[in-house]
Amino acid sequence: MEADQLADGYRRRFEPHSEYRDRVWKILAGYFGRFVSPDDSVLDLGCGWGEFINNVIAAEKYGLDLNPDVVGRLADEVTLLAQPADQRWDLDDDTLDVVFTSNFLEHLGDRDAILATLRQAHRCLRPGGRIVCLGPNMNAVHGAYWDYFDHYVPLTERSMAEALELSGFRVDGVTARFLPYTMSGKREAPVAFVRWYLRLPLAWRFFGGQFLVTATKA
């Protein structure tokens, strides 16, 4: 997908909910903070408009995305890597502590592109560094997965874990159902509900449409 199409699609999908999404991600960034130390170097893979990387507490922050609208939306302390994810990242080996990615890998063109991207994450992470992968679970959302024109590769928690292992990672956490599938619907749940939801894993089984898979670089 061309950069202007990427930007237009993102605006159509998320602009009406941008303020709400930022409020929600302030909470989610706090939750995912369990994987991030304040001294860490963190890269948000497919950072979108920066909802995660702008809000997470870390010493060094990077966002990787080709969407031209990202410029101007990232916080001043975030360094933008405006490049394809499956090509060599403009970072040295063993420089990152955490790579975080949310609802991005399914947008890559094919499985080879996903593996190439994960191998770049593996190269750039320090030994013991972690990758955190959040994305729509095909087993949970079924045909609704294809309601988005730019979804190319269907993934489940198991296929995500296998892709990480094929890329050299050691998988250390697999949650099949975590967050609800989308925040782009017409109804916006109260932000207080998000805090409640994160504290009740039992509710994830009923409302979760996204997997959460974490892995480390040995």
C-alpha atoms as a PDB file:
ATOM      1  CA  MET A   1       0.000   0.000   0.000  1.00  0.00           C
ATOM      2  CA  GLU A   2       1.337   3.446  -0.971  1.00  0.00           C
ATOM      3  CA  ALA A   3       2.156   5.956   1.772  1.00  0.00           C
ATOM      4  CA  ASP A   4      -0.713   8.305   0.887  1.00  0.00           C
ATOM      5  CA  GLN A   5      -3.187   5.396   0.901  1.00  0.00           C
ATOM      6  CA  LEU A   6      -1.800   4.267   4.236  1.00  0.00           C
ATOM      7  CA  ALA A   7      -2.304   7.733   5.692  1.00  0.00           C
ATOM      8  CA  ASP A   8      -5.812   8.065   4.261  1.00  0.00           C
ATOM      9  CA  GLY A   9      -6.878   4.661   5.536  1.00  0.00           C
ATOM     10  CA  TYR A  10      -5.528   5.392   8.995  1.00  0.00           C
ATOM     11  CA  ARG A  11      -7.361   8.720   9.129  1.00  0.00           C
ATOM     12  CA  ARG A  12     -10.652   7.163   8.036  1.00  0.00           C
ATOM     13  CA  ARG A  13     -10.397   4.456  10.647  1.00  0.00           C
ATOM     14  CA  PHE A  14      -9.005   6.300  13.646  1.00  0.00           C
ATOM     15  CA  GLU A  15      -9.472  10.077  13.352  1.00  0.00           C
ATOM     16  CA  PRO A  16     -13.014  10.048  14.849  1.00  0.00           C
ATOM     17  CA  HIS A  17     -11.670   8.234  17.915  1.00  0.00           C
ATOM     18  CA  SER A  18      -8.200   9.756  18.209  1.00  0.00           C
ATOM     19  CA  GLU A  19      -8.723  11.540  21.536  1.00  0.00           C
ATOM     20  CA  TYR A  20     -10.390   8.483  23.050  1.00  0.00           C
ATOM     21  CA  ARG A  21      -7.632   6.192  21.787  1.00  0.00           C
ATOM     22  CA  ASP A  22      -4.990   8.395  23.390  1.00  0.00           C
ATOM     23  CA  ARG A  23      -6.787   8.266  26.754  1.00  0.00           C
ATOM     24  CA  VAL A  24      -7.050   4.493  26.526  1.00  0.00           C
ATOM     25  CA  TRP A  25      -3.409   4.103  25.530  1.00  0.00           C
ATOM     26  CA  LYS A  26      -2.276   6.139  28.522  1.00  0.00           C
ATOM     27  CA  ILE A  27      -3.771   3.334  30.609  1.00  0.00           C
ATOM     28  CA  LEU A  28      -2.462   0.554  28.358  1.00  0.00           C
ATOM     29  CA  ALA A  29       1.038   2.019  28.349  1.00  0.00           C
ATOM     30  CA  GLY A  30       0.969   1.834  32.128  1.00  0.00           C
ATOM     31  CA  TYR A  31      -0.087  -1.822  31.941  1.00  0.00           C
ATOM     32  CA  PHE A  32       2.617  -2.691  29.422  1.00  0.00           C
ATOM     33  CA  GLY A  33       5.076  -0.854  31.632  1.00  0.00           C
ATOM     34  CA  ARG A  34       5.536  -4.204  33.412  1.00  0.00           C
ATOM     35  CA  PHE A  35       7.677  -5.154  30.400  1.00  0.00           C
ATOM     36  CA  VAL A  36       9.607  -1.861  30.271  1.00  0.00           C
ATOM     37  CA  SER A  37      12.106  -0.353  32.691  1.00  0.00           C
ATOM     38  CA  PRO A  38      12.428   3.463  32.854  1.00  0.00           C
ATOM     39  CA  ASP A  39      16.071   3.001  31.779  1.00  0.00           C
ATOM     40  CA  ASP A  40      15.186   0.950  28.688  1.00  0.00           C
ATOM     41  CA  SER A  41      15.550   1.680  25.004  1.00  0.00           C
ATOM     42  CA  VAL A  42      12.182   0.903  23.383  1.00  0.00           C
ATOM     43  CA  LEU A  43      11.024   0.684  19.777  1.00  0.00           C
ATOM     44  CA  ASP A  44       7.340   0.803  18.826  1.00  0.00           C
ATOM     45  CA  LEU A  45       7.077  -1.281  15.653  1.00  0.00           C
ATOM     46  CA  GLY A  46       4.300   0.119  13.460  1.00  0.00           C
ATOM     47  CA  CYS A  47       3.850   3.003  15.875  1.00  0.00           C
ATOM     48  CA  GLY A  48       0.895   4.627  14.106  1.00  0.00           C
ATOM     49  CA  TRP A  49       0.202   7.998  15.658  1.00  0.00           C
ATOM     50  CA  GLY A  50       2.385   7.209  18.661  1.00  0.00           C
ATOM     51  CA  GLU A  51      -0.270   6.264  21.194  1.00  0.00           C
ATOM     52  CA  PHE A  52       1.979   3.728  22.924  1.00  0.00           C
ATOM     53  CA  ILE A  53       5.452   5.171  22.479  1.00  0.00           C
ATOM     54  CA  ASN A  54       4.374   8.690  23.448  1.00  0.00           C
ATOM     55  CA  ASN A  55       2.938   7.426  26.746  1.00  0.00           C
ATOM     56  CA  VAL A  56       5.351   4.714  27.862  1.00  0.00           C
ATOM     57  CA  ILE A  57       8.098   5.673  30.303  1.00  0.00           C
ATOM     58  CA  ALA A  58      11.525   4.824  28.864  1.00  0.00           C
ATOM     59  CA  ALA A  59      14.968   6.385  28.512  1.00  0.00           C
ATOM     60  CA  GLU A  60      15.169   6.074  24.712  1.00  0.00           C
ATOM     61  CA  LYS A  61      12.166   5.873  22.406  1.00  0.00           C
ATOM     62  CA  TYR A  62      11.889   4.938  18.736  1.00  0.00           C
ATOM     63  CA  GLY A  63       8.891   4.634  16.463  1.00  0.00           C
ATOM     64  CA  LEU A  64       9.004   2.781  13.138  1.00  0.00           C
ATOM     65  CA  ASP A  65       6.293   3.522  10.577  1.00  0.00           C
ATOM     66  CA  LEU A  66       5.843   4.534   6.933  1.00  0.00           C
ATOM     67  CA  ASN A  67       2.684   6.569   7.511  1.00  0.00           C
ATOM     68  CA  PRO A  68       3.601  10.190   6.658  1.00  0.00           C
ATOM     69  CA  ASP A  69       1.044  11.432   9.200  1.00  0.00           C
ATOM     70  CA  VAL A  70       3.293  10.136  11.976  1.00  0.00           C
ATOM     71  CA  VAL A  71       5.476  13.216  11.550  1.00  0.00           C
ATOM     72  CA  GLY A  72       4.284  15.818  14.022  1.00  0.00           C
ATOM     73  CA  ARG A  73       2.323  13.332  16.136  1.00  0.00           C
ATOM     74  CA  LEU A  74       5.255  11.751  17.956  1.00  0.00           C
ATOM     75  CA  ALA A  75       6.539  13.316  21.157  1.00  0.00           C
ATOM     76  CA  ASP A  76       9.796  15.251  20.896  1.00  0.00           C
ATOM     77  CA  GLU A  77      11.762  12.509  22.625  1.00  0.00           C
ATOM     78  CA  VAL A  78      10.718   9.847  20.089  1.00  0.00           C
ATOM     79  CA  THR A  79      13.034   9.166  17.135  1.00  0.00           C
ATOM     80  CA  LEU A  80      11.128   8.202  13.988  1.00  0.00           C
ATOM     81  CA  LEU A  81      12.419   5.467  11.677  1.00  0.00           C
ATOM     82  CA  ALA A  82      10.433   6.127   8.503  1.00  0.00           C
ATOM     83  CA  GLN A  83      11.228   2.902   6.703  1.00  0.00           C
ATOM     84  CA  PRO A  84       9.792  -0.500   5.744  1.00  0.00           C
ATOM     85  CA  ALA A  85       9.752  -2.834   8.722  1.00  0.00           C
ATOM     86  CA  ASP A  86      11.050  -5.828   6.781  1.00  0.00           C
ATOM     87  CA  GLN A  87      14.219  -4.074   5.630  1.00  0.00           C
ATOM     88  CA  ARG A  88      17.308  -3.484   7.767  1.00  0.00           C
ATOM     89  CA  TRP A  89      16.407  -1.092  10.559  1.00  0.00           C
ATOM     90  CA  ASP A  90      18.538   2.007  10.942  1.00  0.00           C
ATOM     91  CA  LEU A  91      19.834   0.777  14.302  1.00  0.00           C
ATOM     92  CA  ASP A  92      22.964  -1.074  15.378  1.00  0.00           C
ATOM     93  CA  ASP A  93      22.893  -4.646  16.646  1.00  0.00           C
ATOM     94  CA  ASP A  94      22.035  -5.177  20.326  1.00  0.00           C
ATOM     95  CA  THR A  95      20.810  -1.622  20.981  1.00  0.00           C
ATOM     96  CA  LEU A  96      17.205  -2.132  22.139  1.00  0.00           C
ATOM     97  CA  ASP A  97      15.754  -3.518  25.350  1.00  0.00           C
ATOM     98  CA  VAL A  98      12.143  -3.831  24.222  1.00  0.00           C
ATOM     99  CA  VAL A  99      10.308  -4.004  20.902  1.00  0.00           C
ATOM    100  CA  PHE A 100       6.569  -3.468  21.199  1.00  0.00           C
ATOM    101  CA  THR A 101       4.122  -4.006  18.366  1.00  0.00           C
ATOM    102  CA  SER A 102       0.344  -3.694  18.333  1.00  0.00           C
ATOM    103  CA  ASN A 103      -1.955  -4.515  15.423  1.00  0.00           C
ATOM    104  CA  PHE A 104       0.791  -4.189  12.860  1.00  0.00           C
ATOM    105  CA  LEU A 105       2.203  -7.499  11.668  1.00  0.00           C
ATOM    106  CA  GLU A 106      -1.058  -8.561   9.997  1.00  0.00           C
ATOM    107  CA  HIS A 107      -0.678  -5.533   7.696  1.00  0.00           C
ATOM    108  CA  LEU A 108       2.563  -6.814   6.183  1.00  0.00           C
ATOM    109  CA  GLY A 109       2.341  -8.312   2.717  1.00  0.00           C
ATOM    110  CA  ASP A 110       3.091 -11.935   3.517  1.00  0.00           C
ATOM    111  CA  ARG A 111       4.642 -14.322   6.024  1.00  0.00           C
ATOM    112  CA  ASP A 112       8.139 -13.758   4.641  1.00  0.00           C
ATOM    113  CA  ALA A 113       7.802 -10.052   5.431  1.00  0.00           C
ATOM    114  CA  ILE A 114       6.723 -10.896   8.980  1.00  0.00           C
ATOM    115  CA  LEU A 115       9.727 -13.170   9.481  1.00  0.00           C
ATOM    116  CA  ALA A 116      12.095 -10.563   8.030  1.00  0.00           C
ATOM    117  CA  THR A 117      10.641  -7.977  10.417  1.00  0.00           C
ATOM    118  CA  LEU A 118      10.932 -10.242  13.454  1.00  0.00           C
ATOM    119  CA  ARG A 119      14.531 -11.033  12.536  1.00  0.00           C
ATOM    120  CA  GLN A 120      15.304  -7.319  12.492  1.00  0.00           C
ATOM    121  CA  ALA A 121      13.800  -7.051  15.961  1.00  0.00           C
ATOM    122  CA  HIS A 122      15.948  -9.978  17.077  1.00  0.00           C
ATOM    123  CA  ARG A 123      19.086  -8.369  15.608  1.00  0.00           C
ATOM    124  CA  CYS A 124      18.489  -5.026  17.288  1.00  0.00           C
ATOM    125  CA  LEU A 125      17.516  -6.354  20.710  1.00  0.00           C
ATOM    126  CA  ARG A 126      20.176  -6.914  23.322  1.00  0.00           C
ATOM    127  CA  PRO A 127      20.577 -10.447  24.706  1.00  0.00           C
ATOM    128  CA  GLY A 128      17.726 -10.875  27.159  1.00  0.00           C
ATOM    129  CA  GLY A 129      15.722  -8.162  25.404  1.00  0.00           C
ATOM    130  CA  ARG A 130      11.989  -8.690  24.970  1.00  0.00           C
ATOM    131  CA  ILE A 131       9.477  -8.394  22.164  1.00  0.00           C
ATOM    132  CA  VAL A 132       5.807  -7.817  23.020  1.00  0.00           C
ATOM    133  CA  CYS A 133       3.296  -8.667  20.278  1.00  0.00           C
ATOM    134  CA  LEU A 134      -0.361  -7.696  20.382  1.00  0.00           C
ATOM    135  CA  GLY A 135      -2.688  -8.383  17.464  1.00  0.00           C
ATOM    136  CA  PRO A 136      -6.044  -9.687  16.247  1.00  0.00           C
ATOM    137  CA  ASN A 137      -6.520 -13.412  16.828  1.00  0.00           C
ATOM    138  CA  MET A 138      -8.116 -15.093  13.812  1.00  0.00           C
ATOM    139  CA  ASN A 139      -9.532 -17.810  16.065  1.00  0.00           C
ATOM    140  CA  ALA A 140     -11.373 -15.188  18.114  1.00  0.00           C
ATOM    141  CA  VAL A 141     -12.583 -12.720  15.472  1.00  0.00           C
ATOM    142  CA  HIS A 142     -13.117 -15.122  12.548  1.00  0.00           C
ATOM    143  CA  GLY A 143     -14.480 -13.451   9.402  1.00  0.00           C
ATOM    144  CA  ALA A 144     -14.488  -9.977  10.944  1.00  0.00           C
ATOM    145  CA  TYR A 145     -10.726 -10.068  10.437  1.00  0.00           C
ATOM    146  CA  TRP A 146     -11.275  -9.321   6.747  1.00  0.00           C
ATOM    147  CA  ASP A 147     -13.435  -6.259   7.381  1.00  0.00           C
ATOM    148  CA  TYR A 148     -10.196  -4.277   7.196  1.00  0.00           C
ATOM    149  CA  PHE A 149      -8.907  -3.897   3.647  1.00  0.00           C
ATOM    150  CA  ASP A 150      -5.265  -3.853   4.716  1.00  0.00           C
ATOM    151  CA  HIS A 151      -5.300  -7.123   6.670  1.00  0.00           C
ATOM    152  CA  TYR A 152      -3.154  -9.552   4.679  1.00  0.00           C
ATOM    153  CA  VAL A 153      -1.885 -12.293   6.993  1.00  0.00           C
ATOM    154  CA  PRO A 154      -4.241 -14.032   9.450  1.00  0.00           C
ATOM    155  CA  LEU A 155      -2.528 -14.792  12.742  1.00  0.00           C
ATOM    156  CA  THR A 156      -3.370 -16.650  15.936  1.00  0.00           C
ATOM    157  CA  GLU A 157      -1.515 -16.810  19.220  1.00  0.00           C
ATOM    158  CA  ARG A 158       0.052 -20.091  18.116  1.00  0.00           C
ATOM    159  CA  SER A 159       1.198 -18.908  14.703  1.00  0.00           C
ATOM    160  CA  MET A 160       2.572 -15.729  16.301  1.00  0.00           C
ATOM    161  CA  ALA A 161       4.540 -17.800  18.802  1.00  0.00           C
ATOM    162  CA  GLU A 162       5.839 -20.066  16.049  1.00  0.00           C
ATOM    163  CA  ALA A 163       6.952 -17.096  13.938  1.00  0.00           C
ATOM    164  CA  LEU A 164       8.882 -15.737  16.916  1.00  0.00           C
ATOM    165  CA  GLU A 165      10.577 -19.080  17.493  1.00  0.00           C
ATOM    166  CA  LEU A 166      11.512 -19.318  13.816  1.00  0.00           C
ATOM    167  CA  SER A 167      13.099 -15.868  14.179  1.00  0.00           C
ATOM    168  CA  GLY A 168      15.355 -16.940  17.043  1.00  0.00           C
ATOM    169  CA  PHE A 169      13.248 -15.890  20.047  1.00  0.00           C
ATOM    170  CA  ARG A 170      12.296 -17.879  23.128  1.00  0.00           C
ATOM    171  CA  VAL A 171       8.562 -17.479  23.756  1.00  0.00           C
ATOM    172  CA  ASP A 172       7.786 -16.833  27.412  1.00  0.00           C
ATOM    173  CA  GLY A 173       4.151 -15.742  27.462  1.00  0.00           C
ATOM    174  CA  VAL A 174       1.090 -16.591  25.353  1.00  0.00           C
ATOM    175  CA  THR A 175      -2.400 -15.190  25.996  1.00  0.00           C
ATOM    176  CA  ALA A 176      -4.920 -16.200  23.330  1.00  0.00           C
ATOM    177  CA  ARG A 177      -7.526 -13.594  24.290  1.00  0.00           C
ATOM    178  CA  PHE A 178      -6.474 -10.279  25.772  1.00  0.00           C
ATOM    179  CA  LEU A 179      -7.893  -6.932  24.641  1.00  0.00           C
ATOM    180  CA  PRO A 180     -11.141  -6.521  22.674  1.00  0.00           C
ATOM    181  CA  TYR A 181     -10.703  -6.618  18.913  1.00  0.00           C
ATOM    182  CA  THR A 182     -11.043  -2.921  18.078  1.00  0.00           C
ATOM    183  CA  MET A 183     -11.480   0.575  19.485  1.00  0.00           C
ATOM    184  CA  SER A 184     -12.765   1.837  16.135  1.00  0.00           C
ATOM    185  CA  GLY A 185     -16.414   0.970  16.622  1.00  0.00           C
ATOM    186  CA  LYS A 186     -19.227   3.428  17.109  1.00  0.00           C
ATOM    187  CA  ARG A 187     -19.426   2.818  20.861  1.00  0.00           C
ATOM    188  CA  GLU A 188     -16.631   3.958  23.148  1.00  0.00           C
ATOM    189  CA  ALA A 189     -16.453   2.118  26.464  1.00  0.00           C
ATOM    190  CA  PRO A 190     -15.839   4.372  29.478  1.00  0.00           C
ATOM    191  CA  VAL A 191     -12.135   4.732  30.178  1.00  0.00           C
ATOM    192  CA  ALA A 192     -12.768   3.485  33.723  1.00  0.00           C
ATOM    193  CA  PHE A 193     -13.939   0.218  32.157  1.00  0.00           C
ATOM    194  CA  VAL A 194     -10.479  -0.244  30.622  1.00  0.00           C
ATOM    195  CA  ARG A 195      -8.838  -0.160  34.060  1.00  0.00           C
ATOM    196  CA  TRP A 196     -11.432  -2.620  35.374  1.00  0.00           C
ATOM    197  CA  TYR A 197     -10.999  -4.910  32.380  1.00  0.00           C
ATOM    198  CA  LEU A 198      -7.220  -5.147  32.722  1.00  0.00           C
ATOM    199  CA  ARG A 199      -7.603  -6.274  36.331  1.00  0.00           C
ATOM    200  CA  LEU A 200      -9.997  -9.128  35.466  1.00  0.00           C
ATOM    201  CA  PRO A 201      -8.376 -11.781  33.241  1.00  0.00           C
ATOM    202  CA  LEU A 202     -11.591 -13.814  33.468  1.00  0.00           C
ATOM    203  CA  ALA A 203     -13.290 -11.127  31.369  1.00  0.00           C
ATOM    204  CA  TRP A 204     -10.635 -11.511  28.668  1.00  0.00           C
ATOM    205  CA  ARG A 205     -12.030 -14.928  27.775  1.00  0.00           C
ATOM    206  CA  PHE A 206     -15.366 -13.376  26.853  1.00  0.00           C
ATOM    207  CA  PHE A 207     -14.380 -10.031  25.337  1.00  0.00           C
ATOM    208  CA  GLY A 208     -10.809 -10.558  24.149  1.00  0.00           C
ATOM    209  CA  GLY A 209     -10.223 -10.610  20.409  1.00  0.00           C
ATOM    210  CA  GLN A 210      -6.479  -9.984  20.408  1.00  0.00           C
ATOM    211  CA  PHE A 211      -3.607 -12.211  21.443  1.00  0.00           C
ATOM    212  CA  LEU A 212      -0.680 -11.124  23.598  1.00  0.00           C
ATOM    213  CA  VAL A 213       2.577 -12.991  22.971  1.00  0.00           C
ATOM    214  CA  THR A 214       5.918 -12.112  24.559  1.00  0.00           C
ATOM    215  CA  ALA A 215       9.361 -13.534  23.824  1.00  0.00           C
ATOM    216  CA  THR A 216      12.984 -12.899  24.699  1.00  0.00           C
ATOM    217  CA  LYS A 217      16.244 -12.922  22.804  1.00  0.00           C
ATOM    218  CA  ALA A 218      18.455 -15.627  24.267  1.00  0.00           C
END
